[in-house]
Every structure is written in C-alpha cells, then in structure tokens.
C-alpha cells in the first residue's frame, strides 16, 4: 500500500474521490485503514469487511467502469479528536451520460498513527427532488 499521511479527514476524502475518478485501486486503498474492521457498502450491495473484500470490490468496479466524473456536495460533517463523519451527495457523471440522482454517502475517517484513514464508506441511491416526497411516504425507517 502507498504510504500517505493525510493530515485531515478532508485530505483523505479528497484523495478518495481522486482515486475513484482515476479508477486507481492502489491510490484508493491508500486512503483506507489497514484495520480488520473497515467496512464498505456500495449502492444496492452487500456489506464488505476487511481490505481484501474492499480491494476486490474496487478492482471490479474500476475494471468495468467508464470514465467517471464527480461533484461532491458536503451535507454534514462532524469531528472528534480521532473520528470524523462526513455525509455527502455524490453527483456522478459516467460515460458521457447526464448525471443521475445523487448517491448519498457516509464516509467515516479514523485518526491512526499514519494519519487520517477511511474506515467506512456506505453509499445509497438518492432520489431527485421531485421523487423525495413520494419516497419518504414509502420508507420503512
């Protein structure tokens, strides 16, 4: 894994989205903690735990993905001394197609001896504004 010392959770998050846009597995995994308890949930996917499972998922995504462009809009950020939680909207454009509804992602970072590292990325499909009221009436929780 590439050794990078992210001084802030924002630096780690910027590196995460750069790696995602570049479809670079090595750079992507440099953002992640090497702890056994890291978790990733892709939209509509199962919970993946640990570096091997998470690396495998990004490898598969990047090998099948067209060019990806991101606009990330921060929704909420909370910080402690050793843990940071960012909730963002990912507006994704891929393969020259118009952006679809945003993905809502929760990114959690932990301060480690090697700097801030991602320990959770949980992404869910969002909805366009017109559909939001209808979906809230149908949501179980």
C-alpha atoms as a PDB file:
ATOM      1  CA  UNK A   1       0.000   0.000   0.000  1.00  0.00           C
ATOM      2  CA  UNK A   2       1.196   3.526  -0.753  1.00  0.00           C
ATOM      3  CA  UNK A   3       2.234   5.360   2.411  1.00  0.00           C
ATOM      4  CA  UNK A   4       0.448   8.695   2.599  1.00  0.00           C
ATOM      5  CA  UNK A   5      -0.084  10.696   5.749  1.00  0.00           C
ATOM      6  CA  UNK A   6      -3.420  12.505   5.425  1.00  0.00           C
ATOM      7  CA  UNK A   7      -3.295  15.340   7.946  1.00  0.00           C
ATOM      8  CA  UNK A   8      -7.053  15.926   7.952  1.00  0.00           C
ATOM      9  CA  UNK A   9     -10.172  13.909   7.121  1.00  0.00           C
ATOM     10  CA  UNK A  10     -10.776  16.378   4.283  1.00  0.00           C
ATOM     11  CA  UNK A  11      -7.405  15.451   2.735  1.00  0.00           C
ATOM     12  CA  UNK A  12      -8.296  11.767   2.975  1.00  0.00           C
ATOM     13  CA  UNK A  13     -11.708  12.400   1.425  1.00  0.00           C
ATOM     14  CA  UNK A  14     -10.242  14.406  -1.449  1.00  0.00           C
ATOM     15  CA  UNK A  15      -7.785  11.556  -2.108  1.00  0.00           C
ATOM     16  CA  UNK A  16     -10.662   9.036  -2.017  1.00  0.00           C
ATOM     17  CA  UNK A  17     -12.591  10.874  -4.735  1.00  0.00           C
ATOM     18  CA  UNK A  18      -9.440  11.495  -6.825  1.00  0.00           C
ATOM     19  CA  UNK A  19      -8.695   7.763  -6.728  1.00  0.00           C
ATOM     20  CA  UNK A  20     -12.327   6.980  -7.564  1.00  0.00           C
ATOM     21  CA  UNK A  21     -12.296   9.348 -10.568  1.00  0.00           C
ATOM     22  CA  UNK A  22      -8.948   7.990 -11.760  1.00  0.00           C
ATOM     23  CA  UNK A  23     -10.088   4.368 -11.213  1.00  0.00           C
ATOM     24  CA  UNK A  24      -6.839   3.778  -9.330  1.00  0.00           C
ATOM     25  CA  UNK A  25      -7.076   0.849  -6.894  1.00  0.00           C
ATOM     26  CA  UNK A  26      -3.653   1.480  -5.340  1.00  0.00           C
ATOM     27  CA  UNK A  27      -4.474   5.106  -4.554  1.00  0.00           C
ATOM     28  CA  UNK A  28      -7.943   4.108  -3.375  1.00  0.00           C
ATOM     29  CA  UNK A  29      -6.611   1.564  -0.898  1.00  0.00           C
ATOM     30  CA  UNK A  30      -4.020   4.080   0.371  1.00  0.00           C
ATOM     31  CA  UNK A  31      -6.947   6.074   1.769  1.00  0.00           C
ATOM     32  CA  UNK A  32      -8.367   3.093   3.663  1.00  0.00           C
ATOM     33  CA  UNK A  33      -7.209   2.000   7.101  1.00  0.00           C
ATOM     34  CA  UNK A  34      -5.459  -1.360   7.214  1.00  0.00           C
ATOM     35  CA  UNK A  35      -7.529  -2.389  10.265  1.00  0.00           C
ATOM     36  CA  UNK A  36      -9.658  -5.540  10.078  1.00  0.00           C
ATOM     37  CA  UNK A  37     -12.884  -3.698  10.947  1.00  0.00           C
ATOM     38  CA  UNK A  38     -13.164  -1.446   7.875  1.00  0.00           C
ATOM     39  CA  UNK A  39     -16.483  -1.624   6.021  1.00  0.00           C
ATOM     40  CA  UNK A  40     -17.712  -0.654   2.554  1.00  0.00           C
ATOM     41  CA  UNK A  41     -21.261  -0.812   1.207  1.00  0.00           C
ATOM     42  CA  UNK A  42     -21.740   0.138  -2.434  1.00  0.00           C
ATOM     43  CA  UNK A  43     -25.211   1.270  -3.586  1.00  0.00           C
ATOM     44  CA  UNK A  44     -27.504  -1.760  -3.526  1.00  0.00           C
ATOM     45  CA  UNK A  45     -24.612  -4.002  -2.499  1.00  0.00           C
ATOM     46  CA  UNK A  46     -23.725  -6.190   0.426  1.00  0.00           C
ATOM     47  CA  UNK A  47     -21.563  -5.212   3.377  1.00  0.00           C
ATOM     48  CA  UNK A  48     -17.878  -5.816   2.649  1.00  0.00           C
ATOM     49  CA  UNK A  49     -15.473  -6.105   5.570  1.00  0.00           C
ATOM     50  CA  UNK A  50     -11.665  -6.009   5.517  1.00  0.00           C
ATOM     51  CA  UNK A  51      -9.062  -4.911   3.000  1.00  0.00           C
ATOM     52  CA  UNK A  52      -9.240  -7.961   0.728  1.00  0.00           C
ATOM     53  CA  UNK A  53     -13.001  -7.728   0.179  1.00  0.00           C
ATOM     54  CA  UNK A  54     -12.925  -3.959  -0.245  1.00  0.00           C
ATOM     55  CA  UNK A  55      -9.950  -4.040  -2.633  1.00  0.00           C
ATOM     56  CA  UNK A  56     -11.703  -6.738  -4.673  1.00  0.00           C
ATOM     57  CA  UNK A  57     -14.851  -4.651  -4.979  1.00  0.00           C
ATOM     58  CA  UNK A  58     -12.986  -1.553  -6.159  1.00  0.00           C
ATOM     59  CA  UNK A  59     -10.955  -3.639  -8.602  1.00  0.00           C
ATOM     60  CA  UNK A  60     -14.186  -4.993 -10.118  1.00  0.00           C
ATOM     61  CA  UNK A  61     -15.832  -1.569 -10.233  1.00  0.00           C
ATOM     62  CA  UNK A  62     -12.820   0.107 -11.835  1.00  0.00           C
ATOM     63  CA  UNK A  63     -12.309  -2.645 -14.407  1.00  0.00           C
ATOM     64  CA  UNK A  64     -15.894  -2.254 -15.643  1.00  0.00           C
ATOM     65  CA  UNK A  65     -16.452   1.481 -15.239  1.00  0.00           C
ATOM     66  CA  UNK A  66     -16.276   4.066 -17.984  1.00  0.00           C
ATOM     67  CA  UNK A  67     -14.693   7.437 -17.251  1.00  0.00           C
ATOM     68  CA  UNK A  68     -16.218   8.861 -14.068  1.00  0.00           C
ATOM     69  CA  UNK A  69     -16.573  12.495 -13.042  1.00  0.00           C
ATOM     70  CA  UNK A  70     -17.643  13.542  -9.539  1.00  0.00           C
ATOM     71  CA  UNK A  71     -19.109  16.609  -7.985  1.00  0.00           C
ATOM     72  CA  UNK A  72     -19.253  16.033  -4.249  1.00  0.00           C
ATOM     73  CA  UNK A  73     -21.529  18.257  -2.205  1.00  0.00           C
ATOM     74  CA  UNK A  74     -20.994  18.162   1.521  1.00  0.00           C
ATOM     75  CA  UNK A  75     -24.163  17.834   3.523  1.00  0.00           C
ATOM     76  CA  UNK A  76     -22.965  17.349   7.061  1.00  0.00           C
ATOM     77  CA  UNK A  77     -19.652  16.965   8.822  1.00  0.00           C
ATOM     78  CA  UNK A  78     -18.894  16.114  12.433  1.00  0.00           C
ATOM     79  CA  UNK A  79     -15.468  15.788  14.008  1.00  0.00           C
ATOM     80  CA  UNK A  80     -14.000  14.421  17.165  1.00  0.00           C
ATOM     81  CA  UNK A  81     -10.361  14.124  18.083  1.00  0.00           C
ATOM     82  CA  UNK A  82      -9.954  10.693  16.474  1.00  0.00           C
ATOM     83  CA  UNK A  83     -13.117  10.159  14.404  1.00  0.00           C
ATOM     84  CA  UNK A  84     -14.799  12.184  11.641  1.00  0.00           C
ATOM     85  CA  UNK A  85     -18.110  11.539   9.886  1.00  0.00           C
ATOM     86  CA  UNK A  86     -18.923  13.141   6.532  1.00  0.00           C
ATOM     87  CA  UNK A  87     -22.291  12.779   4.820  1.00  0.00           C
ATOM     88  CA  UNK A  88     -22.119  13.859   1.187  1.00  0.00           C
ATOM     89  CA  UNK A  89     -24.039  13.794  -2.055  1.00  0.00           C
ATOM     90  CA  UNK A  90     -22.072  12.272  -4.914  1.00  0.00           C
ATOM     91  CA  UNK A  91     -23.216  13.649  -8.252  1.00  0.00           C
ATOM     92  CA  UNK A  92     -21.721  11.188 -10.725  1.00  0.00           C
ATOM     93  CA  UNK A  93     -21.389  11.502 -14.476  1.00  0.00           C
ATOM     94  CA  UNK A  94     -20.089   8.430 -16.273  1.00  0.00           C
ATOM     95  CA  UNK A  95     -19.570   7.519 -19.896  1.00  0.00           C
ATOM     96  CA  UNK A  96     -20.698  10.955 -21.111  1.00  0.00           C
ATOM     97  CA  UNK A  97     -24.210  10.432 -19.717  1.00  0.00           C
ATOM     98  CA  UNK A  98     -26.049  13.165 -17.859  1.00  0.00           C
ATOM     99  CA  UNK A  99     -25.823  12.947 -14.080  1.00  0.00           C
ATOM    100  CA  UNK A 100     -28.474  10.796 -12.469  1.00  0.00           C
ATOM    101  CA  UNK A 101     -29.919  11.187  -8.987  1.00  0.00           C
ATOM    102  CA  UNK A 102     -27.159  11.736  -6.450  1.00  0.00           C
ATOM    103  CA  UNK A 103     -25.682   8.968  -4.356  1.00  0.00           C
ATOM    104  CA  UNK A 104     -25.848   9.689  -0.622  1.00  0.00           C
ATOM    105  CA  UNK A 105     -22.638   8.546   1.055  1.00  0.00           C
ATOM    106  CA  UNK A 106     -21.474   8.381   4.635  1.00  0.00           C
ATOM    107  CA  UNK A 107     -17.684   8.438   4.901  1.00  0.00           C
ATOM    108  CA  UNK A 108     -16.083   7.798   8.277  1.00  0.00           C
ATOM    109  CA  UNK A 109     -12.421   8.526   8.987  1.00  0.00           C
ATOM    110  CA  UNK A 110     -10.282   7.500  11.959  1.00  0.00           C
ATOM    111  CA  UNK A 111      -7.055   9.127  13.064  1.00  0.00           C
ATOM    112  CA  UNK A 112      -4.328   6.474  13.020  1.00  0.00           C
ATOM    113  CA  UNK A 113      -0.573   6.555  13.576  1.00  0.00           C
ATOM    114  CA  UNK A 114      -0.322   7.052   9.792  1.00  0.00           C
ATOM    115  CA  UNK A 115      -2.782   9.954   9.607  1.00  0.00           C
ATOM    116  CA  UNK A 116      -6.500  10.017   8.859  1.00  0.00           C
ATOM    117  CA  UNK A 117      -7.831   6.885   7.138  1.00  0.00           C
ATOM    118  CA  UNK A 118     -11.231   5.816   5.874  1.00  0.00           C
ATOM    119  CA  UNK A 119     -12.911   3.109   7.947  1.00  0.00           C
ATOM    120  CA  UNK A 120     -16.406   3.220   6.401  1.00  0.00           C
ATOM    121  CA  UNK A 121     -17.897   4.162   3.061  1.00  0.00           C
ATOM    122  CA  UNK A 122     -21.618   3.475   2.885  1.00  0.00           C
ATOM    123  CA  UNK A 123     -23.358   4.667  -0.270  1.00  0.00           C
ATOM    124  CA  UNK A 124     -27.052   4.541  -1.108  1.00  0.00           C
ATOM    125  CA  UNK A 125     -29.009   5.662  -4.129  1.00  0.00           C
ATOM    126  CA  UNK A 126     -30.545   9.088  -3.692  1.00  0.00           C
ATOM    127  CA  UNK A 127     -33.600  10.459  -5.395  1.00  0.00           C
ATOM    128  CA  UNK A 128     -34.274  13.522  -7.482  1.00  0.00           C
ATOM    129  CA  UNK A 129     -36.099  16.301  -5.630  1.00  0.00           C
ATOM    130  CA  UNK A 130     -39.479  15.579  -7.277  1.00  0.00           C
ATOM    131  CA  UNK A 131     -39.440  11.970  -6.044  1.00  0.00           C
ATOM    132  CA  UNK A 132     -38.261  12.733  -2.493  1.00  0.00           C
ATOM    133  CA  UNK A 133     -41.742  13.309  -1.014  1.00  0.00           C
ATOM    134  CA  UNK A 134     -43.123  10.109  -2.568  1.00  0.00           C
ATOM    135  CA  UNK A 135     -40.175   8.066  -1.306  1.00  0.00           C
ATOM    136  CA  UNK A 136     -40.473   9.403   2.263  1.00  0.00           C
ATOM    137  CA  UNK A 137     -44.057   8.102   2.366  1.00  0.00           C
ATOM    138  CA  UNK A 138     -42.816   4.617   1.415  1.00  0.00           C
ATOM    139  CA  UNK A 139     -39.653   4.421   3.546  1.00  0.00           C
ATOM    140  CA  UNK A 140     -39.716   1.934   6.447  1.00  0.00           C
ATOM    141  CA  UNK A 141     -37.150   3.771   8.571  1.00  0.00           C
END
